[in-house]
Every structure is written in structure tokens, then in C-alpha cells.
PDB file of all heavy atoms in Angstrom:
ATOM      1  N   GLU A   1     -12.677  23.663  12.441  1.00  0.00           N
ATOM      2  CA  GLU A   1     -11.139  23.644  12.111  1.00  0.00           C
ATOM      3  C   GLU A   1     -10.977  22.626  10.913  1.00  0.00           C
ATOM      4  O   GLU A   1     -10.304  23.062   9.948  1.00  0.00           O
ATOM      5  CB  GLU A   1     -10.327  23.366  13.215  1.00  0.00           C
ATOM      6  CG  GLU A   1     -10.338  24.418  14.293  1.00  0.00           C
ATOM      7  CD  GLU A   1      -9.518  23.950  15.538  1.00  0.00           C
ATOM      8  OE1 GLU A   1      -9.404  22.746  15.837  1.00  0.00           O
ATOM      9  OE2 GLU A   1      -9.049  24.776  16.373  1.00  0.00           O
ATOM     10  N   LEU A   2     -11.406  21.349  11.020  1.00  0.00           N
ATOM     11  CA  LEU A   2     -11.337  20.471  10.150  1.00  0.00           C
ATOM     12  C   LEU A   2     -11.968  20.800   8.768  1.00  0.00           C
ATOM     13  O   LEU A   2     -11.414  20.668   7.674  1.00  0.00           O
ATOM     14  CB  LEU A   2     -11.659  19.069  10.558  1.00  0.00           C
ATOM     15  CG  LEU A   2     -11.400  17.803   9.770  1.00  0.00           C
ATOM     16  CD1 LEU A   2      -9.958  17.821   9.448  1.00  0.00           C
ATOM     17  CD2 LEU A   2     -11.925  16.644  10.544  1.00  0.00           C
ATOM     18  N   ARG A   3     -13.154  21.363   8.899  1.00  0.00           N
ATOM     19  CA  ARG A   3     -13.875  21.811   7.712  1.00  0.00           C
ATOM     20  C   ARG A   3     -13.109  22.909   6.904  1.00  0.00           C
ATOM     21  O   ARG A   3     -13.073  22.896   5.767  1.00  0.00           O
ATOM     22  CB  ARG A   3     -15.299  22.289   8.190  1.00  0.00           C
ATOM     23  CG  ARG A   3     -16.236  22.607   6.970  1.00  0.00           C
ATOM     24  CD  ARG A   3     -17.571  23.014   7.511  1.00  0.00           C
ATOM     25  NE  ARG A   3     -18.227  21.927   8.106  1.00  0.00           N
ATOM     26  CZ  ARG A   3     -18.963  21.940   9.149  1.00  0.00           C
ATOM     27  NH1 ARG A   3     -19.059  23.065   9.844  1.00  0.00           N
ATOM     28  NH2 ARG A   3     -19.602  20.860   9.623  1.00  0.00           N
ATOM     29  N   ALA A   4     -12.585  23.783   7.650  1.00  0.00           N
ATOM     30  CA  ALA A   4     -11.824  25.058   7.040  1.00  0.00           C
ATOM     31  C   ALA A   4     -10.493  24.354   6.382  1.00  0.00           C
ATOM     32  O   ALA A   4     -10.260  24.767   5.311  1.00  0.00           O
ATOM     33  CB  ALA A   4     -11.426  25.881   8.125  1.00  0.00           C
ATOM     34  N   TYR A   5      -9.986  23.381   7.088  1.00  0.00           N
ATOM     35  CA  TYR A   5      -8.749  22.680   6.369  1.00  0.00           C
ATOM     36  C   TYR A   5      -9.034  22.039   5.150  1.00  0.00           C
ATOM     37  O   TYR A   5      -8.531  22.145   4.202  1.00  0.00           O
ATOM     38  CB  TYR A   5      -8.079  21.826   7.480  1.00  0.00           C
ATOM     39  CG  TYR A   5      -6.893  21.109   6.778  1.00  0.00           C
ATOM     40  CD1 TYR A   5      -5.686  21.713   6.921  1.00  0.00           C
ATOM     41  CD2 TYR A   5      -7.065  19.859   6.201  1.00  0.00           C
ATOM     42  CE1 TYR A   5      -4.524  21.021   6.550  1.00  0.00           C
ATOM     43  CE2 TYR A   5      -5.849  19.241   5.584  1.00  0.00           C
ATOM     44  CZ  TYR A   5      -4.628  19.852   5.876  1.00  0.00           C
ATOM     45  OH  TYR A   5      -3.566  19.276   5.257  1.00  0.00           O
ATOM     46  N   VAL A   6     -10.198  21.310   5.295  1.00  0.00           N
ATOM     47  CA  VAL A   6     -10.617  20.534   3.925  1.00  0.00           C
ATOM     48  C   VAL A   6     -11.125  21.595   2.735  1.00  0.00           C
ATOM     49  O   VAL A   6     -10.596  21.206   1.624  1.00  0.00           O
ATOM     50  CB  VAL A   6     -11.956  19.592   4.263  1.00  0.00           C
ATOM     51  CG1 VAL A   6     -12.444  18.993   3.047  1.00  0.00           C
ATOM     52  CG2 VAL A   6     -11.418  18.457   5.145  1.00  0.00           C
ATOM     53  N   LEU A   7     -11.637  22.550   3.106  1.00  0.00           N
ATOM     54  CA  LEU A   7     -11.978  23.535   2.056  1.00  0.00           C
ATOM     55  C   LEU A   7     -10.759  24.073   1.463  1.00  0.00           C
ATOM     56  O   LEU A   7     -10.668  24.504   0.116  1.00  0.00           O
ATOM     57  CB  LEU A   7     -12.844  24.727   2.637  1.00  0.00           C
ATOM     58  CG  LEU A   7     -14.303  24.290   2.896  1.00  0.00           C
ATOM     59  CD1 LEU A   7     -15.006  25.372   3.575  1.00  0.00           C
ATOM     60  CD2 LEU A   7     -14.995  23.855   1.649  1.00  0.00           C
ATOM     61  N   GLU A   8      -9.593  24.209   2.183  1.00  0.00           N
ATOM     62  CA  GLU A   8      -8.290  24.652   1.638  1.00  0.00           C
ATOM     63  C   GLU A   8      -7.495  23.641   1.071  1.00  0.00           C
ATOM     64  O   GLU A   8      -6.695  24.002   0.203  1.00  0.00           O
ATOM     65  CB  GLU A   8      -7.530  25.438   2.776  1.00  0.00           C
ATOM     66  CG  GLU A   8      -8.198  26.712   3.291  1.00  0.00           C
ATOM     67  CD  GLU A   8      -7.335  27.339   4.385  1.00  0.00           C
ATOM     68  OE1 GLU A   8      -6.075  27.029   4.517  1.00  0.00           O
ATOM     69  OE2 GLU A   8      -7.944  28.168   5.121  1.00  0.00           O
ATOM     70  N   HIS A   9      -7.732  22.453   1.373  1.00  0.00           N
ATOM     71  CA  HIS A   9      -6.996  21.321   0.832  1.00  0.00           C
ATOM     72  C   HIS A   9      -7.808  20.121   0.311  1.00  0.00           C
ATOM     73  O   HIS A   9      -7.999  19.054   0.896  1.00  0.00           O
ATOM     74  CB  HIS A   9      -6.122  20.775   1.956  1.00  0.00           C
ATOM     75  CG  HIS A   9      -5.165  21.774   2.555  1.00  0.00           C
ATOM     76  ND1 HIS A   9      -5.511  22.482   3.747  1.00  0.00           N
ATOM     77  CD2 HIS A   9      -3.959  22.052   2.276  1.00  0.00           C
ATOM     78  CE1 HIS A   9      -4.562  23.296   4.000  1.00  0.00           C
ATOM     79  NE2 HIS A   9      -3.526  23.103   3.260  1.00  0.00           N
ATOM     80  N   ARG A  10      -8.629  20.581  -0.611  1.00  0.00           N
ATOM     81  CA  ARG A  10      -9.699  19.706  -1.210  1.00  0.00           C
ATOM     82  C   ARG A  10      -9.160  18.281  -1.738  1.00  0.00           C
ATOM     83  O   ARG A  10     -10.100  17.411  -2.032  1.00  0.00           O
ATOM     84  CB  ARG A  10     -10.412  20.338  -2.381  1.00  0.00           C
ATOM     85  CG  ARG A  10     -11.206  21.582  -1.877  1.00  0.00           C
ATOM     86  CD  ARG A  10     -11.810  22.422  -2.949  1.00  0.00           C
ATOM     87  NE  ARG A  10     -12.521  23.571  -2.492  1.00  0.00           N
ATOM     88  CZ  ARG A  10     -13.670  23.743  -2.129  1.00  0.00           C
ATOM     89  NH1 ARG A  10     -14.593  22.890  -2.498  1.00  0.00           N
ATOM     90  NH2 ARG A  10     -14.243  24.936  -1.787  1.00  0.00           N
ATOM     91  N   ASN A  11      -7.927  18.216  -1.995  1.00  0.00           N
ATOM     92  CA  ASN A  11      -7.361  16.928  -2.456  1.00  0.00           C
ATOM     93  C   ASN A  11      -6.793  16.002  -1.298  1.00  0.00           C
ATOM     94  O   ASN A  11      -6.155  14.965  -1.613  1.00  0.00           O
ATOM     95  CB  ASN A  11      -6.386  17.080  -3.534  1.00  0.00           C
ATOM     96  CG  ASN A  11      -6.888  17.770  -4.735  1.00  0.00           C
ATOM     97  OD1 ASN A  11      -8.124  17.457  -5.154  1.00  0.00           O
ATOM     98  ND2 ASN A  11      -6.167  18.703  -5.496  1.00  0.00           N
ATOM     99  N   ASP A  12      -6.957  16.450  -0.130  1.00  0.00           N
ATOM    100  CA  ASP A  12      -6.355  15.662   0.964  1.00  0.00           C
ATOM    101  C   ASP A  12      -7.426  14.734   1.408  1.00  0.00           C
ATOM    102  O   ASP A  12      -8.249  14.984   2.249  1.00  0.00           O
ATOM    103  CB  ASP A  12      -6.112  16.709   2.081  1.00  0.00           C
ATOM    104  CG  ASP A  12      -5.190  15.960   3.231  1.00  0.00           C
ATOM    105  OD1 ASP A  12      -5.300  14.714   3.370  1.00  0.00           O
ATOM    106  OD2 ASP A  12      -4.453  16.720   3.897  1.00  0.00           O
ATOM    107  N   ASP A  13      -7.283  13.521   0.889  1.00  0.00           N
ATOM    108  CA  ASP A  13      -8.269  12.350   1.296  1.00  0.00           C
ATOM    109  C   ASP A  13      -8.313  12.112   2.678  1.00  0.00           C
ATOM    110  O   ASP A  13      -9.364  11.755   3.188  1.00  0.00           O
ATOM    111  CB  ASP A  13      -7.999  11.170   0.398  1.00  0.00           C
ATOM    112  CG  ASP A  13      -8.277  11.377  -1.163  1.00  0.00           C
ATOM    113  OD1 ASP A  13      -9.031  12.363  -1.472  1.00  0.00           O
ATOM    114  OD2 ASP A  13      -7.624  10.778  -1.962  1.00  0.00           O
ATOM    115  N   GLU A  14      -7.199  12.165   3.343  1.00  0.00           N
ATOM    116  CA  GLU A  14      -7.128  11.752   4.648  1.00  0.00           C
ATOM    117  C   GLU A  14      -7.927  12.852   5.580  1.00  0.00           C
ATOM    118  O   GLU A  14      -8.686  12.397   6.484  1.00  0.00           O
ATOM    119  CB  GLU A  14      -5.601  11.772   5.164  1.00  0.00           C
ATOM    120  CG  GLU A  14      -5.443  11.470   6.718  1.00  0.00           C
ATOM    121  CD  GLU A  14      -4.023  11.476   7.146  1.00  0.00           C
ATOM    122  OE1 GLU A  14      -3.118  11.822   6.263  1.00  0.00           O
ATOM    123  OE2 GLU A  14      -3.854  11.233   8.324  1.00  0.00           O
ATOM    124  N   ALA A  15      -7.815  14.012   5.209  1.00  0.00           N
ATOM    125  CA  ALA A  15      -8.537  15.126   5.966  1.00  0.00           C
ATOM    126  C   ALA A  15      -9.975  14.938   5.668  1.00  0.00           C
ATOM    127  O   ALA A  15     -10.856  15.121   6.563  1.00  0.00           O
ATOM    128  CB  ALA A  15      -8.078  16.530   5.566  1.00  0.00           C
ATOM    129  N   ILE A  16     -10.378  14.639   4.479  1.00  0.00           N
ATOM    130  CA  ILE A  16     -11.825  14.418   4.049  1.00  0.00           C
ATOM    131  C   ILE A  16     -12.431  13.212   4.888  1.00  0.00           C
ATOM    132  O   ILE A  16     -13.503  13.404   5.452  1.00  0.00           O
ATOM    133  CB  ILE A  16     -12.020  14.328   2.562  1.00  0.00           C
ATOM    134  CG1 ILE A  16     -11.571  15.568   1.856  1.00  0.00           C
ATOM    135  CG2 ILE A  16     -13.402  13.824   2.255  1.00  0.00           C
ATOM    136  CD1 ILE A  16     -11.526  15.477   0.365  1.00  0.00           C
ATOM    137  N   ARG A  17     -11.690  12.193   4.799  1.00  0.00           N
ATOM    138  CA  ARG A  17     -12.078  10.977   5.672  1.00  0.00           C
ATOM    139  C   ARG A  17     -12.202  11.385   7.185  1.00  0.00           C
ATOM    140  O   ARG A  17     -13.240  10.922   7.723  1.00  0.00           O
ATOM    141  CB  ARG A  17     -11.195   9.844   5.599  1.00  0.00           C
ATOM    142  CG  ARG A  17     -11.517   8.788   4.644  1.00  0.00           C
ATOM    143  CD  ARG A  17     -10.691   7.597   4.587  1.00  0.00           C
ATOM    144  NE  ARG A  17     -10.094   7.445   3.226  1.00  0.00           N
ATOM    145  CZ  ARG A  17      -8.895   7.870   2.877  1.00  0.00           C
ATOM    146  NH1 ARG A  17      -8.048   8.369   3.774  1.00  0.00           N
ATOM    147  NH2 ARG A  17      -8.472   7.866   1.585  1.00  0.00           N
ATOM    148  N   ALA A  18     -11.270  12.152   7.635  1.00  0.00           N
ATOM    149  CA  ALA A  18     -11.472  12.549   9.084  1.00  0.00           C
ATOM    150  C   ALA A  18     -12.661  13.355   9.431  1.00  0.00           C
ATOM    151  O   ALA A  18     -13.176  13.077  10.484  1.00  0.00           O
ATOM    152  CB  ALA A  18     -10.146  13.311   9.484  1.00  0.00           C
ATOM    153  N   LEU A  19     -12.980  14.274   8.482  1.00  0.00           N
ATOM    154  CA  LEU A  19     -14.043  14.951   8.524  1.00  0.00           C
ATOM    155  C   LEU A  19     -15.376  14.083   8.537  1.00  0.00           C
ATOM    156  O   LEU A  19     -16.251  14.269   9.338  1.00  0.00           O
ATOM    157  CB  LEU A  19     -14.192  16.117   7.520  1.00  0.00           C
ATOM    158  CG  LEU A  19     -15.358  17.063   7.536  1.00  0.00           C
ATOM    159  CD1 LEU A  19     -15.422  17.778   8.915  1.00  0.00           C
ATOM    160  CD2 LEU A  19     -15.327  18.037   6.496  1.00  0.00           C
ATOM    161  N   PHE A  20     -15.581  13.233   7.594  1.00  0.00           N
ATOM    162  CA  PHE A  20     -16.699  12.327   7.503  1.00  0.00           C
ATOM    163  C   PHE A  20     -16.766  11.490   8.736  1.00  0.00           C
ATOM    164  O   PHE A  20     -17.970  11.132   9.066  1.00  0.00           O
ATOM    165  CB  PHE A  20     -16.675  11.549   6.345  1.00  0.00           C
ATOM    166  CG  PHE A  20     -17.109  12.316   4.972  1.00  0.00           C
ATOM    167  CD1 PHE A  20     -16.268  12.338   3.944  1.00  0.00           C
ATOM    168  CD2 PHE A  20     -18.306  12.785   5.006  1.00  0.00           C
ATOM    169  CE1 PHE A  20     -16.612  13.009   2.766  1.00  0.00           C
ATOM    170  CE2 PHE A  20     -18.837  13.527   3.768  1.00  0.00           C
ATOM    171  CZ  PHE A  20     -18.009  13.606   2.674  1.00  0.00           C
ATOM    172  N   HIS A  21     -15.652  11.210   9.299  1.00  0.00           N
ATOM    173  CA  HIS A  21     -15.696  10.217  10.463  1.00  0.00           C
ATOM    174  C   HIS A  21     -15.534  11.046  11.798  1.00  0.00           C
ATOM    175  O   HIS A  21     -15.307  10.313  12.838  1.00  0.00           O
ATOM    176  CB  HIS A  21     -14.749   9.143  10.395  1.00  0.00           C
ATOM    177  CG  HIS A  21     -15.060   8.251   9.260  1.00  0.00           C
ATOM    178  ND1 HIS A  21     -14.685   8.449   7.903  1.00  0.00           N
ATOM    179  CD2 HIS A  21     -15.924   7.289   9.116  1.00  0.00           C
ATOM    180  CE1 HIS A  21     -15.163   7.588   7.033  1.00  0.00           C
ATOM    181  NE2 HIS A  21     -15.914   6.732   7.740  1.00  0.00           N
ATOM    182  N   HIS A  22     -15.691  12.334  11.831  1.00  0.00           N
ATOM    183  CA  HIS A  22     -15.528  12.901  13.079  1.00  0.00           C
ATOM    184  C   HIS A  22     -16.485  12.575  14.079  1.00  0.00           C
ATOM    185  O   HIS A  22     -17.725  12.387  13.827  1.00  0.00           O
ATOM    186  CB  HIS A  22     -15.652  14.485  12.872  1.00  0.00           C
ATOM    187  CG  HIS A  22     -15.006  15.305  13.949  1.00  0.00           C
ATOM    188  ND1 HIS A  22     -15.751  15.595  15.104  1.00  0.00           N
ATOM    189  CD2 HIS A  22     -13.838  16.014  14.122  1.00  0.00           C
ATOM    190  CE1 HIS A  22     -14.955  16.224  15.855  1.00  0.00           C
ATOM    191  NE2 HIS A  22     -13.802  16.530  15.310  1.00  0.00           N
ATOM    192  N   PRO A  23     -16.124  12.192  15.344  1.00  0.00           N
ATOM    193  CA  PRO A  23     -16.983  11.617  16.211  1.00  0.00           C
ATOM    194  C   PRO A  23     -18.349  12.584  16.630  1.00  0.00           C
ATOM    195  O   PRO A  23     -19.261  11.970  17.169  1.00  0.00           O
ATOM    196  CB  PRO A  23     -16.118  11.411  17.564  1.00  0.00           C
ATOM    197  CG  PRO A  23     -14.925  12.153  17.275  1.00  0.00           C
ATOM    198  CD  PRO A  23     -14.724  12.421  15.875  1.00  0.00           C
ATOM    199  N   THR A  24     -18.174  13.805  16.505  1.00  0.00           N
ATOM    200  CA  THR A  24     -19.318  14.712  16.704  1.00  0.00           C
ATOM    201  C   THR A  24     -20.385  14.773  15.694  1.00  0.00           C
ATOM    202  O   THR A  24     -21.326  15.289  15.873  1.00  0.00           O
ATOM    203  CB  THR A  24     -18.905  16.077  17.133  1.00  0.00           C
ATOM    204  OG1 THR A  24     -18.193  16.606  16.063  1.00  0.00           O
ATOM    205  CG2 THR A  24     -17.904  15.988  18.350  1.00  0.00           C
ATOM    206  N   LEU A  25     -20.035  14.209  14.541  1.00  0.00           N
ATOM    207  CA  LEU A  25     -20.913  14.377  13.415  1.00  0.00           C
ATOM    208  C   LEU A  25     -21.751  12.938  13.221  1.00  0.00           C
ATOM    209  O   LEU A  25     -21.265  11.998  13.494  1.00  0.00           O
ATOM    210  CB  LEU A  25     -20.257  14.637  12.083  1.00  0.00           C
ATOM    211  CG  LEU A  25     -19.488  15.895  12.044  1.00  0.00           C
ATOM    212  CD1 LEU A  25     -18.696  16.104  10.733  1.00  0.00           C
ATOM    213  CD2 LEU A  25     -20.544  17.094  12.125  1.00  0.00           C
ATOM    214  N   LYS A  26     -22.853  13.121  12.812  1.00  0.00           N
ATOM    215  CA  LYS A  26     -23.705  11.819  12.404  1.00  0.00           C
ATOM    216  C   LYS A  26     -23.050  11.240  11.173  1.00  0.00           C
ATOM    217  O   LYS A  26     -22.804  11.988  10.182  1.00  0.00           O
ATOM    218  CB  LYS A  26     -25.184  12.201  12.390  1.00  0.00           C
ATOM    219  CG  LYS A  26     -25.814  12.661  13.647  1.00  0.00           C
ATOM    220  CD  LYS A  26     -27.251  12.987  13.422  1.00  0.00           C
ATOM    221  CE  LYS A  26     -27.784  13.416  14.715  1.00  0.00           C
ATOM    222  NZ  LYS A  26     -29.225  13.773  14.560  1.00  0.00           N
ATOM    223  N   TYR A  27     -23.151  10.052  11.026  1.00  0.00           N
ATOM    224  CA  TYR A  27     -22.623   9.463   9.916  1.00  0.00           C
ATOM    225  C   TYR A  27     -23.587   9.541   8.755  1.00  0.00           C
ATOM    226  O   TYR A  27     -24.788   9.466   8.949  1.00  0.00           O
ATOM    227  CB  TYR A  27     -22.446   7.861  10.048  1.00  0.00           C
ATOM    228  CG  TYR A  27     -21.128   7.549  10.813  1.00  0.00           C
ATOM    229  CD1 TYR A  27     -21.052   7.353  12.102  1.00  0.00           C
ATOM    230  CD2 TYR A  27     -20.091   7.452  10.093  1.00  0.00           C
ATOM    231  CE1 TYR A  27     -19.945   7.163  12.726  1.00  0.00           C
ATOM    232  CE2 TYR A  27     -18.730   7.128  10.564  1.00  0.00           C
ATOM    233  CZ  TYR A  27     -18.714   6.940  12.004  1.00  0.00           C
ATOM    234  OH  TYR A  27     -17.581   6.674  12.638  1.00  0.00           O
ATOM    235  N   VAL A  28     -23.017   9.992   7.608  1.00  0.00           N
ATOM    236  CA  VAL A  28     -23.760  10.060   6.416  1.00  0.00           C
ATOM    237  C   VAL A  28     -23.133   9.253   5.399  1.00  0.00           C
ATOM    238  O   VAL A  28     -21.908   9.363   5.224  1.00  0.00           O
ATOM    239  CB  VAL A  28     -23.831  11.539   5.732  1.00  0.00           C
ATOM    240  CG1 VAL A  28     -24.600  11.504   4.536  1.00  0.00           C
ATOM    241  CG2 VAL A  28     -24.595  12.440   6.785  1.00  0.00           C
ATOM    242  N   THR A  29     -23.803   8.174   4.927  1.00  0.00           N
ATOM    243  CA  THR A  29     -23.141   7.199   3.930  1.00  0.00           C
ATOM    244  C   THR A  29     -23.021   8.027   2.517  1.00  0.00           C
ATOM    245  O   THR A  29     -23.956   8.506   2.050  1.00  0.00           O
ATOM    246  CB  THR A  29     -23.969   6.082   3.722  1.00  0.00           C
ATOM    247  OG1 THR A  29     -24.136   5.442   5.050  1.00  0.00           O
ATOM    248  CG2 THR A  29     -23.098   5.103   2.760  1.00  0.00           C
ATOM    249  N   MET A  30     -21.726   7.991   2.169  1.00  0.00           N
ATOM    250  CA  MET A  30     -21.467   8.777   0.897  1.00  0.00           C
ATOM    251  C   MET A  30     -20.918   7.606   0.011  1.00  0.00           C
ATOM    252  O   MET A  30     -20.252   6.760   0.225  1.00  0.00           O
ATOM    253  CB  MET A  30     -20.252   9.788   1.194  1.00  0.00           C
ATOM    254  CG  MET A  30     -20.585  10.900   2.133  1.00  0.00           C
ATOM    255  SD  MET A  30     -22.006  11.883   1.674  1.00  0.00           S
ATOM    256  CE  MET A  30     -21.293  12.779   0.323  1.00  0.00           C
ATOM    257  N   PRO A  31     -21.225   7.951  -1.418  1.00  0.00           N
ATOM    258  CA  PRO A  31     -20.809   6.975  -2.420  1.00  0.00           C
ATOM    259  C   PRO A  31     -19.362   7.205  -2.621  1.00  0.00           C
ATOM    260  O   PRO A  31     -18.741   8.180  -2.201  1.00  0.00           O
ATOM    261  CB  PRO A  31     -21.606   7.386  -3.580  1.00  0.00           C
ATOM    262  CG  PRO A  31     -21.972   8.859  -3.316  1.00  0.00           C
ATOM    263  CD  PRO A  31     -22.148   8.986  -1.888  1.00  0.00           C
ATOM    264  N   PRO A  32     -18.715   6.141  -3.149  1.00  0.00           N
ATOM    265  CA  PRO A  32     -17.201   6.251  -3.520  1.00  0.00           C
ATOM    266  C   PRO A  32     -16.937   7.479  -4.406  1.00  0.00           C
ATOM    267  O   PRO A  32     -17.726   7.770  -5.278  1.00  0.00           O
ATOM    268  CB  PRO A  32     -16.902   4.885  -4.235  1.00  0.00           C
ATOM    269  CG  PRO A  32     -18.191   4.395  -4.695  1.00  0.00           C
ATOM    270  CD  PRO A  32     -19.233   5.032  -3.834  1.00  0.00           C
ATOM    271  N   MET A  33     -15.794   8.052  -4.137  1.00  0.00           N
ATOM    272  CA  MET A  33     -15.369   9.260  -4.903  1.00  0.00           C
ATOM    273  C   MET A  33     -14.528   8.848  -6.248  1.00  0.00           C
ATOM    274  O   MET A  33     -14.456   9.621  -7.141  1.00  0.00           O
ATOM    275  CB  MET A  33     -14.456  10.170  -4.148  1.00  0.00           C
ATOM    276  CG  MET A  33     -15.192  10.844  -2.931  1.00  0.00           C
ATOM    277  SD  MET A  33     -16.528  11.884  -3.356  1.00  0.00           S
ATOM    278  CE  MET A  33     -17.784  11.114  -2.339  1.00  0.00           C
ATOM    279  N   PHE A  34     -14.155   7.670  -6.097  1.00  0.00           N
ATOM    280  CA  PHE A  34     -13.367   7.089  -7.285  1.00  0.00           C
ATOM    281  C   PHE A  34     -13.664   5.653  -7.676  1.00  0.00           C
ATOM    282  O   PHE A  34     -14.131   4.868  -6.844  1.00  0.00           O
ATOM    283  CB  PHE A  34     -11.713   7.006  -7.032  1.00  0.00           C
ATOM    284  CG  PHE A  34     -11.264   8.461  -6.569  1.00  0.00           C
ATOM    285  CD1 PHE A  34     -11.227   9.048  -5.361  1.00  0.00           C
ATOM    286  CD2 PHE A  34     -10.816   9.269  -7.679  1.00  0.00           C
ATOM    287  CE1 PHE A  34     -10.918  10.274  -5.127  1.00  0.00           C
ATOM    288  CE2 PHE A  34     -10.390  10.469  -7.407  1.00  0.00           C
ATOM    289  CZ  PHE A  34     -10.337  11.003  -6.059  1.00  0.00           C
ATOM    290  N   THR A  35     -13.502   5.245  -8.862  1.00  0.00           N
ATOM    291  CA  THR A  35     -13.701   3.886  -9.402  1.00  0.00           C
ATOM    292  C   THR A  35     -12.591   3.001  -8.832  1.00  0.00           C
ATOM    293  O   THR A  35     -11.588   3.631  -8.361  1.00  0.00           O
ATOM    294  CB  THR A  35     -13.800   3.760 -10.841  1.00  0.00           C
ATOM    295  OG1 THR A  35     -12.451   4.145 -11.326  1.00  0.00           O
ATOM    296  CG2 THR A  35     -14.762   4.736 -11.533  1.00  0.00           C
ATOM    297  N   GLU A  36     -12.692   1.791  -8.792  1.00  0.00           N
ATOM    298  CA  GLU A  36     -11.552   0.821  -8.540  1.00  0.00           C
ATOM    299  C   GLU A  36     -10.296   1.083  -9.261  1.00  0.00           C
ATOM    300  O   GLU A  36      -9.172   0.919  -8.893  1.00  0.00           O
ATOM    301  CB  GLU A  36     -11.959  -0.530  -8.674  1.00  0.00           C
ATOM    302  CG  GLU A  36     -13.027  -1.017  -7.599  1.00  0.00           C
ATOM    303  CD  GLU A  36     -13.373  -2.498  -7.774  1.00  0.00           C
ATOM    304  OE1 GLU A  36     -12.605  -3.208  -8.488  1.00  0.00           O
ATOM    305  OE2 GLU A  36     -14.327  -2.947  -7.120  1.00  0.00           O
ATOM    306  N   GLU A  37     -10.399   1.687 -10.465  1.00  0.00           N
ATOM    307  CA  GLU A  37      -9.352   2.005 -11.350  1.00  0.00           C
ATOM    308  C   GLU A  37      -8.621   3.331 -11.007  1.00  0.00           C
ATOM    309  O   GLU A  37      -7.603   3.734 -11.648  1.00  0.00           O
ATOM    310  CB  GLU A  37      -9.692   2.002 -12.834  1.00  0.00           C
ATOM    311  CG  GLU A  37     -10.177   0.707 -13.328  1.00  0.00           C
ATOM    312  CD  GLU A  37     -11.536   0.259 -12.971  1.00  0.00           C
ATOM    313  OE1 GLU A  37     -12.390   1.245 -12.830  1.00  0.00           O
ATOM    314  OE2 GLU A  37     -11.798  -0.908 -12.886  1.00  0.00           O
ATOM    315  N   GLY A  38      -9.308   4.086 -10.117  1.00  0.00           N
ATOM    316  CA  GLY A  38      -8.784   5.422  -9.676  1.00  0.00           C
ATOM    317  C   GLY A  38      -9.326   6.494 -10.403  1.00  0.00           C
ATOM    318  O   GLY A  38      -8.917   7.701 -10.188  1.00  0.00           O
ATOM    319  N   GLN A  39     -10.334   6.250 -11.244  1.00  0.00           N
ATOM    320  CA  GLN A  39     -10.878   7.424 -12.038  1.00  0.00           C
ATOM    321  C   GLN A  39     -11.872   8.110 -11.211  1.00  0.00           C
ATOM    322  O   GLN A  39     -12.712   7.456 -10.415  1.00  0.00           O
ATOM    323  CB  GLN A  39     -11.572   6.811 -13.315  1.00  0.00           C
ATOM    324  CG  GLN A  39     -10.613   6.235 -14.128  1.00  0.00           C
ATOM    325  CD  GLN A  39      -9.665   7.284 -14.747  1.00  0.00           C
ATOM    326  OE1 GLN A  39     -10.094   8.460 -15.049  1.00  0.00           O
ATOM    327  NE2 GLN A  39      -8.321   6.967 -14.829  1.00  0.00           N
ATOM    328  N   PRO A  40     -11.917   9.511 -11.002  1.00  0.00           N
ATOM    329  CA  PRO A  40     -13.010  10.171 -10.248  1.00  0.00           C
ATOM    330  C   PRO A  40     -14.386   9.929 -10.873  1.00  0.00           C
ATOM    331  O   PRO A  40     -14.554   9.828 -11.956  1.00  0.00           O
ATOM    332  CB  PRO A  40     -12.563  11.637 -10.346  1.00  0.00           C
ATOM    333  CG  PRO A  40     -11.530  11.715 -11.518  1.00  0.00           C
ATOM    334  CD  PRO A  40     -10.946  10.330 -11.782  1.00  0.00           C
ATOM    335  N   ILE A  41     -15.332   9.938  -9.887  1.00  0.00           N
ATOM    336  CA  ILE A  41     -16.736   9.837 -10.184  1.00  0.00           C
ATOM    337  C   ILE A  41     -17.186  11.071  -9.982  1.00  0.00           C
ATOM    338  O   ILE A  41     -17.649  11.563  -8.840  1.00  0.00           O
ATOM    339  CB  ILE A  41     -17.466   8.658  -9.369  1.00  0.00           C
ATOM    340  CG1 ILE A  41     -16.716   7.314  -9.561  1.00  0.00           C
ATOM    341  CG2 ILE A  41     -18.881   8.653  -9.752  1.00  0.00           C
ATOM    342  CD1 ILE A  41     -17.221   6.231  -8.637  1.00  0.00           C
TER     343      ILE A  41
END
């Protein structure tokens, strides 16, 4: 359900974080999506 929501709401950072930290998933360290200045990487 969360994956489907994220695919429909790709700019929802809260949902993306929730998916990455879902308790049933193994952690995968992902690099930052934005620079400290807020620019997308």
C-alpha cells in the first residue's frame, strides 16, 4: 500500500521516508536526495 502511495505521490518525502523505514523491510542506506541548500541531487 505504501509503495503504491509513493508511486502516486513521488514528492511526498514523509511517505518515502516511511517506506524506506518500514519495519518489514531491510534497511538500505540511501544517499541524500538533496544538498544542504535544498538542490536535488
